[in-house]
Amino acid sequence: MCGKGATRSQSSASILSGKMKMNKLLKRVLLVCVCFFALTGQVMADSLSDANRVYDAGDYEKAAKLYSPLAKGGNAEAQYVLGMMYRAGRGVPQDYNEARKWYRLAAEQGHPVAQFYLGWIYAKGRGVPQDIIKGYMWLNIAIANAEDEARKEFIVDRDSIAASMTSDQIAKAQALSKKCTAKKFKGC
């Protein structure tokens, strides 16, 4: 009997030792993952800074190449800048559809300037059929999310568009703004 009890204790000790080794291993793996994600975030921030410097220096083609992988990776600022570049034809061919695509991706992440320009594209009918209600909706959303100075400018532009709208169109656009905001800007 004594032998059986000793074997059970040794088995329990082995299992406990194995669990402790597994916990140490899991902690190490977790630490490696945390470090990896921290470094990846820093690399993306450095890459965005590099792209901004190249853009500010006027090398738009190179800037577009630097912004592109960041935008494809979900960076809202890079998506907004690519939208701006496609809208203006800076470093890339002018393409309102491509601009709309990038503005939409950034707008869905809450980027207020991208929301503004997405509204502008719809209100003016650039690359899409003109949709003044959808344009007003996005401008309204941009106003709600913008900082003080930008908000003032966005209001002026929204109100100039509203001057050509009926009160029913404005009411519909305002209702759509609320729905879109409630859906966190997805599928608007």
N, C-alpha and C. Protein backbone atom coordinates (compact mmCIF):
# COMPACT_ATOMS: atom_id res chain seq x y z
N MET A 1 0.81 -1.20 0.00
CA MET A 1 0.00 0.00 0.00
C MET A 1 0.85 1.25 0.00
N CYS A 2 1.90 1.16 0.76
CA CYS A 2 2.77 2.33 0.86
C CYS A 2 3.33 2.67 -0.51
N GLY A 3 3.63 1.65 -1.28
CA GLY A 3 4.16 1.89 -2.62
C GLY A 3 3.15 2.58 -3.51
N LYS A 4 1.89 2.17 -3.40
CA LYS A 4 0.86 2.79 -4.25
C LYS A 4 0.65 4.25 -3.90
N GLY A 5 0.65 4.54 -2.59
CA GLY A 5 0.48 5.93 -2.16
C GLY A 5 1.62 6.80 -2.62
N ALA A 6 2.81 6.28 -2.60
CA ALA A 6 3.99 7.04 -3.04
C ALA A 6 3.89 7.32 -4.53
N THR A 7 3.40 6.37 -5.29
CA THR A 7 3.27 6.54 -6.73
C THR A 7 2.24 7.63 -7.05
N ARG A 8 1.15 7.62 -6.30
CA ARG A 8 0.14 8.66 -6.52
C ARG A 8 0.69 10.04 -6.20
N SER A 9 1.45 10.14 -5.12
CA SER A 9 2.04 11.43 -4.76
C SER A 9 3.03 11.88 -5.80
N GLN A 10 3.80 10.95 -6.31
CA GLN A 10 4.77 11.30 -7.34
C GLN A 10 4.04 11.72 -8.61
N SER A 11 2.94 11.04 -8.96
CA SER A 11 2.16 11.40 -10.15
C SER A 11 1.55 12.78 -9.97
N SER A 12 1.02 13.06 -8.79
CA SER A 12 0.45 14.38 -8.52
C SER A 12 1.52 15.45 -8.61
N ALA A 13 2.70 15.13 -8.06
CA ALA A 13 3.81 16.09 -8.10
C ALA A 13 4.24 16.33 -9.54
N SER A 14 4.25 15.28 -10.36
CA SER A 14 4.62 15.41 -11.77
C SER A 14 3.61 16.27 -12.51
N ILE A 15 2.34 16.02 -12.24
CA ILE A 15 1.28 16.80 -12.88
C ILE A 15 1.38 18.26 -12.47
N LEU A 16 1.58 18.50 -11.18
CA LEU A 16 1.71 19.87 -10.68
C LEU A 16 2.91 20.55 -11.30
N SER A 17 4.03 19.83 -11.40
CA SER A 17 5.24 20.38 -12.00
C SER A 17 4.99 20.70 -13.48
N GLY A 18 4.28 19.82 -14.17
CA GLY A 18 3.95 20.05 -15.57
C GLY A 18 3.07 21.26 -15.76
N LYS A 19 2.10 21.44 -14.88
CA LYS A 19 1.21 22.61 -14.96
C LYS A 19 1.99 23.89 -14.72
N MET A 20 2.92 23.86 -13.76
CA MET A 20 3.72 25.05 -13.48
C MET A 20 4.59 25.40 -14.68
N LYS A 21 5.16 24.37 -15.34
CA LYS A 21 5.98 24.61 -16.54
C LYS A 21 5.11 25.18 -17.65
N MET A 22 3.90 24.66 -17.78
CA MET A 22 2.97 25.15 -18.80
C MET A 22 2.59 26.60 -18.53
N ASN A 23 2.33 26.94 -17.27
CA ASN A 23 2.00 28.32 -16.91
C ASN A 23 3.16 29.25 -17.24
N LYS A 24 4.40 28.82 -16.94
CA LYS A 24 5.57 29.64 -17.27
C LYS A 24 5.68 29.83 -18.78
N LEU A 25 5.45 28.76 -19.51
CA LEU A 25 5.52 28.83 -20.97
C LEU A 25 4.44 29.77 -21.51
N LEU A 26 3.23 29.66 -21.01
CA LEU A 26 2.15 30.54 -21.45
C LEU A 26 2.46 32.00 -21.13
N LYS A 27 3.03 32.25 -19.97
CA LYS A 27 3.40 33.62 -19.61
C LYS A 27 4.46 34.16 -20.55
N ARG A 28 5.41 33.32 -20.92
CA ARG A 28 6.46 33.76 -21.86
C ARG A 28 5.87 34.06 -23.23
N VAL A 29 5.00 33.17 -23.69
CA VAL A 29 4.35 33.39 -24.99
C VAL A 29 3.54 34.68 -24.96
N LEU A 30 2.81 34.91 -23.90
CA LEU A 30 2.03 36.13 -23.76
C LEU A 30 2.93 37.36 -23.77
N LEU A 31 4.05 37.30 -23.08
CA LEU A 31 5.00 38.41 -23.05
C LEU A 31 5.55 38.68 -24.44
N VAL A 32 5.89 37.64 -25.18
CA VAL A 32 6.39 37.79 -26.54
C VAL A 32 5.32 38.46 -27.41
N CYS A 33 4.07 38.01 -27.28
CA CYS A 33 2.97 38.60 -28.06
C CYS A 33 2.78 40.08 -27.73
N VAL A 34 2.81 40.42 -26.47
CA VAL A 34 2.66 41.82 -26.06
C VAL A 34 3.78 42.66 -26.65
N CYS A 35 5.01 42.17 -26.55
CA CYS A 35 6.16 42.90 -27.10
C CYS A 35 6.02 43.06 -28.61
N PHE A 36 5.59 41.99 -29.29
CA PHE A 36 5.43 42.04 -30.74
C PHE A 36 4.42 43.11 -31.14
N PHE A 37 3.26 43.13 -30.47
CA PHE A 37 2.23 44.10 -30.81
C PHE A 37 2.67 45.52 -30.47
N ALA A 38 3.41 45.68 -29.39
CA ALA A 38 3.92 47.01 -29.04
C ALA A 38 4.89 47.50 -30.11
N LEU A 39 5.76 46.62 -30.56
CA LEU A 39 6.73 47.00 -31.59
C LEU A 39 6.05 47.25 -32.93
N THR A 40 5.04 46.44 -33.25
CA THR A 40 4.31 46.63 -34.50
C THR A 40 3.63 48.00 -34.50
N GLY A 41 3.02 48.36 -33.40
CA GLY A 41 2.38 49.68 -33.29
C GLY A 41 3.39 50.79 -33.48
N GLN A 42 4.58 50.64 -32.91
CA GLN A 42 5.63 51.65 -33.06
C GLN A 42 6.08 51.73 -34.52
N VAL A 43 6.23 50.58 -35.16
CA VAL A 43 6.64 50.56 -36.57
C VAL A 43 5.59 51.27 -37.42
N MET A 44 4.29 51.00 -37.15
CA MET A 44 3.24 51.67 -37.91
C MET A 44 3.27 53.17 -37.67
N ALA A 45 3.49 53.59 -36.43
CA ALA A 45 3.56 55.02 -36.13
C ALA A 45 4.75 55.65 -36.84
N ASP A 46 5.91 54.95 -36.82
CA ASP A 46 7.09 55.46 -37.52
C ASP A 46 6.83 55.52 -39.02
N SER A 47 6.15 54.49 -39.56
CA SER A 47 5.85 54.47 -41.00
C SER A 47 4.92 55.61 -41.38
N LEU A 48 3.94 55.90 -40.54
CA LEU A 48 3.05 57.02 -40.81
C LEU A 48 3.81 58.34 -40.77
N SER A 49 4.70 58.48 -39.80
CA SER A 49 5.53 59.69 -39.71
C SER A 49 6.39 59.83 -40.96
N ASP A 50 6.97 58.71 -41.41
CA ASP A 50 7.79 58.73 -42.63
C ASP A 50 6.94 59.16 -43.83
N ALA A 51 5.76 58.57 -43.96
CA ALA A 51 4.87 58.91 -45.08
C ALA A 51 4.48 60.39 -45.02
N ASN A 52 4.19 60.89 -43.82
CA ASN A 52 3.84 62.31 -43.68
C ASN A 52 5.00 63.21 -44.08
N ARG A 53 6.22 62.85 -43.68
CA ARG A 53 7.41 63.66 -44.05
C ARG A 53 7.60 63.69 -45.56
N VAL A 54 7.46 62.52 -46.20
CA VAL A 54 7.62 62.44 -47.65
C VAL A 54 6.53 63.26 -48.34
N TYR A 55 5.31 63.16 -47.85
CA TYR A 55 4.20 63.95 -48.42
C TYR A 55 4.49 65.44 -48.27
N ASP A 56 4.88 65.86 -47.07
CA ASP A 56 5.16 67.28 -46.82
C ASP A 56 6.30 67.80 -47.67
N ALA A 57 7.23 66.92 -48.06
CA ALA A 57 8.34 67.30 -48.92
C ALA A 57 7.91 67.39 -50.38
N GLY A 58 6.68 66.96 -50.68
CA GLY A 58 6.15 67.08 -52.04
C GLY A 58 6.39 65.87 -52.93
N ASP A 59 6.94 64.79 -52.40
CA ASP A 59 7.15 63.57 -53.18
C ASP A 59 5.89 62.71 -53.05
N TYR A 60 4.85 63.10 -53.78
CA TYR A 60 3.54 62.49 -53.61
C TYR A 60 3.48 61.03 -54.07
N GLU A 61 4.21 60.70 -55.14
CA GLU A 61 4.19 59.30 -55.60
C GLU A 61 4.78 58.38 -54.53
N LYS A 62 5.90 58.78 -53.96
CA LYS A 62 6.52 57.97 -52.91
C LYS A 62 5.62 57.93 -51.67
N ALA A 63 5.00 59.07 -51.35
CA ALA A 63 4.10 59.12 -50.20
C ALA A 63 2.94 58.15 -50.39
N ALA A 64 2.38 58.11 -51.59
CA ALA A 64 1.26 57.19 -51.86
C ALA A 64 1.69 55.75 -51.63
N LYS A 65 2.91 55.42 -52.03
CA LYS A 65 3.42 54.05 -51.82
C LYS A 65 3.61 53.76 -50.33
N LEU A 66 3.96 54.77 -49.55
CA LEU A 66 4.14 54.57 -48.12
C LEU A 66 2.80 54.51 -47.37
N TYR A 67 1.85 55.32 -47.80
CA TYR A 67 0.53 55.32 -47.15
C TYR A 67 -0.26 54.06 -47.46
N SER A 68 -0.09 53.53 -48.66
CA SER A 68 -0.92 52.42 -49.13
C SER A 68 -0.93 51.21 -48.19
N PRO A 69 0.21 50.65 -47.78
CA PRO A 69 0.13 49.49 -46.89
C PRO A 69 -0.46 49.84 -45.52
N LEU A 70 -0.24 51.07 -45.06
CA LEU A 70 -0.82 51.49 -43.79
C LEU A 70 -2.34 51.56 -43.91
N ALA A 71 -2.80 52.15 -45.02
CA ALA A 71 -4.24 52.27 -45.26
C ALA A 71 -4.88 50.89 -45.38
N LYS A 72 -4.23 50.01 -46.12
CA LYS A 72 -4.76 48.64 -46.28
C LYS A 72 -4.77 47.91 -44.95
N GLY A 73 -3.86 48.28 -44.05
CA GLY A 73 -3.81 47.69 -42.72
C GLY A 73 -4.80 48.28 -41.74
N GLY A 74 -5.58 49.28 -42.19
CA GLY A 74 -6.64 49.83 -41.34
C GLY A 74 -6.31 51.14 -40.65
N ASN A 75 -5.20 51.78 -40.99
CA ASN A 75 -4.84 53.06 -40.37
C ASN A 75 -5.74 54.16 -40.94
N ALA A 76 -6.60 54.72 -40.10
CA ALA A 76 -7.59 55.71 -40.56
C ALA A 76 -6.93 56.97 -41.12
N GLU A 77 -5.85 57.42 -40.52
CA GLU A 77 -5.18 58.62 -41.03
C GLU A 77 -4.61 58.38 -42.42
N ALA A 78 -3.98 57.22 -42.62
CA ALA A 78 -3.44 56.88 -43.94
C ALA A 78 -4.57 56.73 -44.95
N GLN A 79 -5.69 56.16 -44.53
CA GLN A 79 -6.85 56.03 -45.43
C GLN A 79 -7.36 57.40 -45.84
N TYR A 80 -7.46 58.31 -44.87
CA TYR A 80 -7.91 59.67 -45.18
C TYR A 80 -6.96 60.35 -46.17
N VAL A 81 -5.65 60.25 -45.91
CA VAL A 81 -4.68 60.93 -46.78
C VAL A 81 -4.72 60.34 -48.19
N LEU A 82 -4.84 59.02 -48.30
CA LEU A 82 -4.95 58.42 -49.63
C LEU A 82 -6.22 58.91 -50.33
N GLY A 83 -7.30 59.03 -49.60
CA GLY A 83 -8.52 59.58 -50.18
C GLY A 83 -8.30 60.98 -50.72
N MET A 84 -7.60 61.78 -49.94
CA MET A 84 -7.29 63.15 -50.34
C MET A 84 -6.42 63.14 -51.60
N MET A 85 -5.43 62.24 -51.63
CA MET A 85 -4.52 62.18 -52.78
C MET A 85 -5.26 61.76 -54.04
N TYR A 86 -6.17 60.79 -53.93
CA TYR A 86 -6.95 60.38 -55.10
C TYR A 86 -7.94 61.46 -55.52
N ARG A 87 -8.50 62.18 -54.58
CA ARG A 87 -9.44 63.25 -54.93
C ARG A 87 -8.73 64.36 -55.70
N ALA A 88 -7.51 64.69 -55.27
CA ALA A 88 -6.77 65.79 -55.89
C ALA A 88 -5.85 65.33 -57.03
N GLY A 89 -5.63 64.03 -57.15
CA GLY A 89 -4.70 63.54 -58.17
C GLY A 89 -3.25 63.84 -57.81
N ARG A 90 -2.91 63.74 -56.55
CA ARG A 90 -1.54 63.99 -56.08
C ARG A 90 -0.79 62.67 -55.92
N GLY A 91 0.16 62.42 -56.82
CA GLY A 91 0.97 61.22 -56.74
C GLY A 91 0.27 59.97 -57.23
N VAL A 92 -1.00 60.09 -57.53
CA VAL A 92 -1.83 59.00 -58.06
C VAL A 92 -2.78 59.63 -59.07
N PRO A 93 -3.34 58.83 -59.97
CA PRO A 93 -4.32 59.42 -60.90
C PRO A 93 -5.55 59.91 -60.14
N GLN A 94 -6.11 61.02 -60.58
CA GLN A 94 -7.33 61.51 -59.92
C GLN A 94 -8.43 60.49 -60.15
N ASP A 95 -9.07 60.06 -59.06
CA ASP A 95 -10.09 59.02 -59.14
C ASP A 95 -11.03 59.19 -57.95
N TYR A 96 -12.19 59.77 -58.21
CA TYR A 96 -13.14 60.03 -57.13
C TYR A 96 -13.68 58.74 -56.50
N ASN A 97 -13.81 57.68 -57.30
CA ASN A 97 -14.27 56.41 -56.73
C ASN A 97 -13.27 55.86 -55.73
N GLU A 98 -11.99 55.94 -56.07
CA GLU A 98 -10.95 55.48 -55.16
C GLU A 98 -10.88 56.39 -53.93
N ALA A 99 -11.05 57.68 -54.16
CA ALA A 99 -11.08 58.63 -53.03
C ALA A 99 -12.23 58.29 -52.09
N ARG A 100 -13.39 58.03 -52.66
CA ARG A 100 -14.57 57.68 -51.85
C ARG A 100 -14.31 56.41 -51.04
N LYS A 101 -13.69 55.43 -51.66
CA LYS A 101 -13.39 54.17 -50.96
C LYS A 101 -12.54 54.43 -49.72
N TRP A 102 -11.46 55.21 -49.88
CA TRP A 102 -10.56 55.46 -48.75
C TRP A 102 -11.21 56.37 -47.72
N TYR A 103 -11.94 57.38 -48.17
CA TYR A 103 -12.65 58.25 -47.22
C TYR A 103 -13.65 57.43 -46.41
N ARG A 104 -14.38 56.53 -47.07
CA ARG A 104 -15.38 55.72 -46.38
C ARG A 104 -14.73 54.86 -45.29
N LEU A 105 -13.62 54.23 -45.63
CA LEU A 105 -12.94 53.37 -44.64
C LEU A 105 -12.50 54.19 -43.42
N ALA A 106 -11.96 55.38 -43.66
CA ALA A 106 -11.55 56.24 -42.54
C ALA A 106 -12.76 56.79 -41.80
N ALA A 107 -13.80 57.17 -42.56
CA ALA A 107 -15.02 57.72 -41.96
C ALA A 107 -15.68 56.70 -41.04
N GLU A 108 -15.68 55.44 -41.44
CA GLU A 108 -16.29 54.39 -40.63
C GLU A 108 -15.54 54.18 -39.32
N GLN A 109 -14.30 54.67 -39.26
CA GLN A 109 -13.53 54.59 -38.02
C GLN A 109 -13.65 55.88 -37.20
N GLY A 110 -14.49 56.81 -37.68
CA GLY A 110 -14.74 58.03 -36.92
C GLY A 110 -13.83 59.19 -37.27
N HIS A 111 -13.11 59.13 -38.38
CA HIS A 111 -12.21 60.22 -38.79
C HIS A 111 -13.07 61.39 -39.31
N PRO A 112 -13.16 62.50 -38.57
CA PRO A 112 -14.09 63.57 -38.95
C PRO A 112 -13.79 64.25 -40.28
N VAL A 113 -12.53 64.41 -40.63
CA VAL A 113 -12.22 65.08 -41.90
C VAL A 113 -12.57 64.15 -43.06
N ALA A 114 -12.34 62.86 -42.90
CA ALA A 114 -12.75 61.90 -43.93
C ALA A 114 -14.27 61.90 -44.05
N GLN A 115 -14.97 62.00 -42.93
CA GLN A 115 -16.43 62.08 -42.96
C GLN A 115 -16.88 63.31 -43.73
N PHE A 116 -16.20 64.42 -43.50
CA PHE A 116 -16.53 65.66 -44.21
C PHE A 116 -16.36 65.47 -45.72
N TYR A 117 -15.20 64.97 -46.14
CA TYR A 117 -14.94 64.83 -47.57
C TYR A 117 -15.82 63.77 -48.22
N LEU A 118 -16.18 62.75 -47.48
CA LEU A 118 -17.12 61.76 -48.01
C LEU A 118 -18.46 62.44 -48.27
N GLY A 119 -18.89 63.29 -47.34
CA GLY A 119 -20.11 64.07 -47.53
C GLY A 119 -20.01 64.99 -48.73
N TRP A 120 -18.85 65.61 -48.89
CA TRP A 120 -18.62 66.52 -50.02
C TRP A 120 -18.75 65.77 -51.34
N ILE A 121 -18.14 64.57 -51.40
CA ILE A 121 -18.21 63.76 -52.64
C ILE A 121 -19.66 63.45 -53.00
N TYR A 122 -20.45 63.06 -52.01
CA TYR A 122 -21.87 62.76 -52.29
C TYR A 122 -22.65 64.02 -52.64
N ALA A 123 -22.42 65.09 -51.91
CA ALA A 123 -23.17 66.32 -52.16
C ALA A 123 -22.88 66.91 -53.54
N LYS A 124 -21.64 66.78 -53.99
CA LYS A 124 -21.23 67.33 -55.29
C LYS A 124 -21.39 66.33 -56.43
N GLY A 125 -21.60 65.05 -56.08
CA GLY A 125 -21.73 64.03 -57.13
C GLY A 125 -20.42 63.75 -57.83
N ARG A 126 -19.34 63.69 -57.10
CA ARG A 126 -18.02 63.42 -57.68
C ARG A 126 -17.76 61.91 -57.66
N GLY A 127 -17.83 61.29 -58.83
CA GLY A 127 -17.58 59.86 -58.93
C GLY A 127 -18.74 59.00 -58.49
N VAL A 128 -19.80 59.62 -58.05
CA VAL A 128 -21.02 58.92 -57.65
C VAL A 128 -22.20 59.78 -58.10
N PRO A 129 -23.37 59.18 -58.24
CA PRO A 129 -24.53 60.04 -58.51
C PRO A 129 -24.72 61.01 -57.34
N GLN A 130 -25.03 62.23 -57.64
CA GLN A 130 -25.21 63.23 -56.58
C GLN A 130 -26.31 62.77 -55.63
N ASP A 131 -26.00 62.81 -54.35
CA ASP A 131 -26.96 62.43 -53.32
C ASP A 131 -26.81 63.46 -52.19
N ILE A 132 -27.57 64.53 -52.31
CA ILE A 132 -27.44 65.64 -51.38
C ILE A 132 -27.84 65.25 -49.96
N ILE A 133 -28.76 64.30 -49.83
CA ILE A 133 -29.19 63.84 -48.50
C ILE A 133 -28.04 63.07 -47.83
N LYS A 134 -27.43 62.16 -48.56
CA LYS A 134 -26.30 61.40 -48.01
C LYS A 134 -25.12 62.34 -47.75
N GLY A 135 -24.93 63.31 -48.64
CA GLY A 135 -23.86 64.30 -48.42
C GLY A 135 -24.08 65.09 -47.14
N TYR A 136 -25.29 65.58 -46.96
CA TYR A 136 -25.62 66.33 -45.74
C TYR A 136 -25.45 65.44 -44.51
N MET A 137 -25.87 64.18 -44.62
CA MET A 137 -25.74 63.25 -43.50
C MET A 137 -24.28 63.15 -43.05
N TRP A 138 -23.37 62.91 -44.00
CA TRP A 138 -21.95 62.77 -43.64
C TRP A 138 -21.37 64.07 -43.12
N LEU A 139 -21.78 65.19 -43.69
CA LEU A 139 -21.31 66.49 -43.19
C LEU A 139 -21.79 66.71 -41.75
N ASN A 140 -23.02 66.34 -41.49
CA ASN A 140 -23.58 66.46 -40.15
C ASN A 140 -22.80 65.60 -39.15
N ILE A 141 -22.47 64.39 -39.56
CA ILE A 141 -21.70 63.48 -38.71
C ILE A 141 -20.31 64.06 -38.46
N ALA A 142 -19.70 64.61 -39.50
CA ALA A 142 -18.37 65.21 -39.36
C ALA A 142 -18.40 66.36 -38.36
N ILE A 143 -19.44 67.16 -38.42
CA ILE A 143 -19.58 68.28 -37.49
C ILE A 143 -19.64 67.78 -36.04
N ALA A 144 -20.37 66.72 -35.83
CA ALA A 144 -20.50 66.16 -34.47
C ALA A 144 -19.17 65.63 -33.93
N ASN A 145 -18.28 65.21 -34.83
CA ASN A 145 -17.02 64.60 -34.40
C ASN A 145 -15.80 65.51 -34.50
N ALA A 146 -15.97 66.69 -35.07
CA ALA A 146 -14.82 67.57 -35.33
C ALA A 146 -14.45 68.42 -34.12
N GLU A 147 -13.22 68.90 -34.16
CA GLU A 147 -12.73 69.86 -33.17
C GLU A 147 -13.30 71.24 -33.51
N ASP A 148 -13.12 72.20 -32.62
CA ASP A 148 -13.75 73.52 -32.72
C ASP A 148 -13.59 74.23 -34.07
N GLU A 149 -12.34 74.44 -34.51
CA GLU A 149 -12.13 75.20 -35.75
C GLU A 149 -12.68 74.46 -36.96
N ALA A 150 -12.39 73.19 -37.04
CA ALA A 150 -12.90 72.40 -38.17
C ALA A 150 -14.42 72.37 -38.15
N ARG A 151 -14.99 72.24 -36.96
CA ARG A 151 -16.45 72.21 -36.83
C ARG A 151 -17.07 73.47 -37.44
N LYS A 152 -16.48 74.63 -37.15
CA LYS A 152 -17.01 75.89 -37.68
C LYS A 152 -16.98 75.90 -39.21
N GLU A 153 -15.88 75.42 -39.78
CA GLU A 153 -15.78 75.37 -41.25
C GLU A 153 -16.78 74.37 -41.83
N PHE A 154 -16.92 73.23 -41.19
CA PHE A 154 -17.85 72.20 -41.68
C PHE A 154 -19.29 72.71 -41.64
N ILE A 155 -19.62 73.47 -40.61
CA ILE A 155 -20.98 74.01 -40.49
C ILE A 155 -21.28 74.94 -41.66
N VAL A 156 -20.33 75.78 -42.01
CA VAL A 156 -20.52 76.71 -43.13
C VAL A 156 -20.81 75.93 -44.41
N ASP A 157 -20.02 74.88 -44.66
CA ASP A 157 -20.21 74.08 -45.87
C ASP A 157 -21.53 73.31 -45.84
N ARG A 158 -21.85 72.74 -44.70
CA ARG A 158 -23.12 72.00 -44.59
C ARG A 158 -24.30 72.94 -44.82
N ASP A 159 -24.24 74.13 -44.22
CA ASP A 159 -25.34 75.07 -44.36
C ASP A 159 -25.47 75.59 -45.79
N SER A 160 -24.35 75.69 -46.52
CA SER A 160 -24.46 76.12 -47.92
C SER A 160 -25.14 75.04 -48.76
N ILE A 161 -24.92 73.79 -48.41
CA ILE A 161 -25.61 72.69 -49.10
C ILE A 161 -27.09 72.68 -48.68
N ALA A 162 -27.35 72.93 -47.42
CA ALA A 162 -28.73 72.93 -46.91
C ALA A 162 -29.58 74.00 -47.59
N ALA A 163 -28.93 75.07 -48.06
CA ALA A 163 -29.67 76.15 -48.71
C ALA A 163 -30.39 75.66 -49.98
N SER A 164 -29.90 74.57 -50.58
CA SER A 164 -30.54 74.05 -51.79
C SER A 164 -31.43 72.84 -51.50
N MET A 165 -31.67 72.58 -50.21
CA MET A 165 -32.48 71.42 -49.82
C MET A 165 -33.84 71.86 -49.28
N THR A 166 -34.80 70.96 -49.39
CA THR A 166 -36.10 71.22 -48.78
C THR A 166 -36.02 70.87 -47.29
N SER A 167 -36.99 71.32 -46.53
CA SER A 167 -36.99 70.99 -45.10
C SER A 167 -37.18 69.47 -44.91
N ASP A 168 -37.93 68.82 -45.79
CA ASP A 168 -38.09 67.36 -45.71
C ASP A 168 -36.77 66.64 -45.96
N GLN A 169 -35.99 67.12 -46.94
CA GLN A 169 -34.69 66.51 -47.22
C GLN A 169 -33.75 66.67 -46.02
N ILE A 170 -33.77 67.85 -45.42
CA ILE A 170 -32.91 68.10 -44.25
C ILE A 170 -33.31 67.19 -43.10
N ALA A 171 -34.61 67.07 -42.87
CA ALA A 171 -35.10 66.20 -41.78
C ALA A 171 -34.69 64.75 -42.04
N LYS A 172 -34.81 64.31 -43.28
CA LYS A 172 -34.41 62.94 -43.62
C LYS A 172 -32.91 62.75 -43.40
N ALA A 173 -32.10 63.72 -43.81
CA ALA A 173 -30.64 63.63 -43.64
C ALA A 173 -30.26 63.62 -42.16
N GLN A 174 -30.95 64.42 -41.37
CA GLN A 174 -30.66 64.44 -39.93
C GLN A 174 -31.03 63.10 -39.28
N ALA A 175 -32.13 62.51 -39.70
CA ALA A 175 -32.52 61.20 -39.17
C ALA A 175 -31.50 60.14 -39.57
N LEU A 176 -31.03 60.21 -40.81
CA LEU A 176 -29.99 59.27 -41.26
C LEU A 176 -28.70 59.46 -40.48
N SER A 177 -28.37 60.70 -40.14
CA SER A 177 -27.17 60.98 -39.33
C SER A 177 -27.25 60.26 -37.99
N LYS A 178 -28.41 60.33 -37.36
CA LYS A 178 -28.60 59.67 -36.06
C LYS A 178 -28.48 58.15 -36.20
N LYS A 179 -29.11 57.59 -37.24
CA LYS A 179 -29.03 56.14 -37.46
C LYS A 179 -27.59 55.71 -37.71
N CYS A 180 -26.91 56.46 -38.53
CA CYS A 180 -25.53 56.12 -38.88
C CYS A 180 -24.63 56.18 -37.66
N THR A 181 -24.81 57.20 -36.85
CA THR A 181 -24.02 57.34 -35.63
C THR A 181 -24.31 56.18 -34.68
N ALA A 182 -25.57 55.79 -34.57
CA ALA A 182 -25.95 54.67 -33.70
C ALA A 182 -25.32 53.36 -34.18
N LYS A 183 -25.10 53.25 -35.51
CA LYS A 183 -24.47 52.05 -36.07
C LYS A 183 -22.95 52.18 -36.10
N LYS A 184 -22.43 53.20 -35.42
CA LYS A 184 -20.99 53.46 -35.38
C LYS A 184 -20.41 53.62 -36.77
N PHE A 185 -21.16 54.29 -37.64
CA PHE A 185 -20.76 54.69 -38.99
C PHE A 185 -20.64 53.53 -39.97
N LYS A 186 -21.07 52.35 -39.63
CA LYS A 186 -20.95 51.18 -40.51
C LYS A 186 -22.21 51.04 -41.36
N GLY A 187 -22.00 50.82 -42.65
CA GLY A 187 -23.10 50.56 -43.56
C GLY A 187 -24.00 51.75 -43.81
N CYS A 188 -23.47 52.94 -43.71
CA CYS A 188 -24.29 54.15 -43.91
C CYS A 188 -24.33 54.57 -45.37
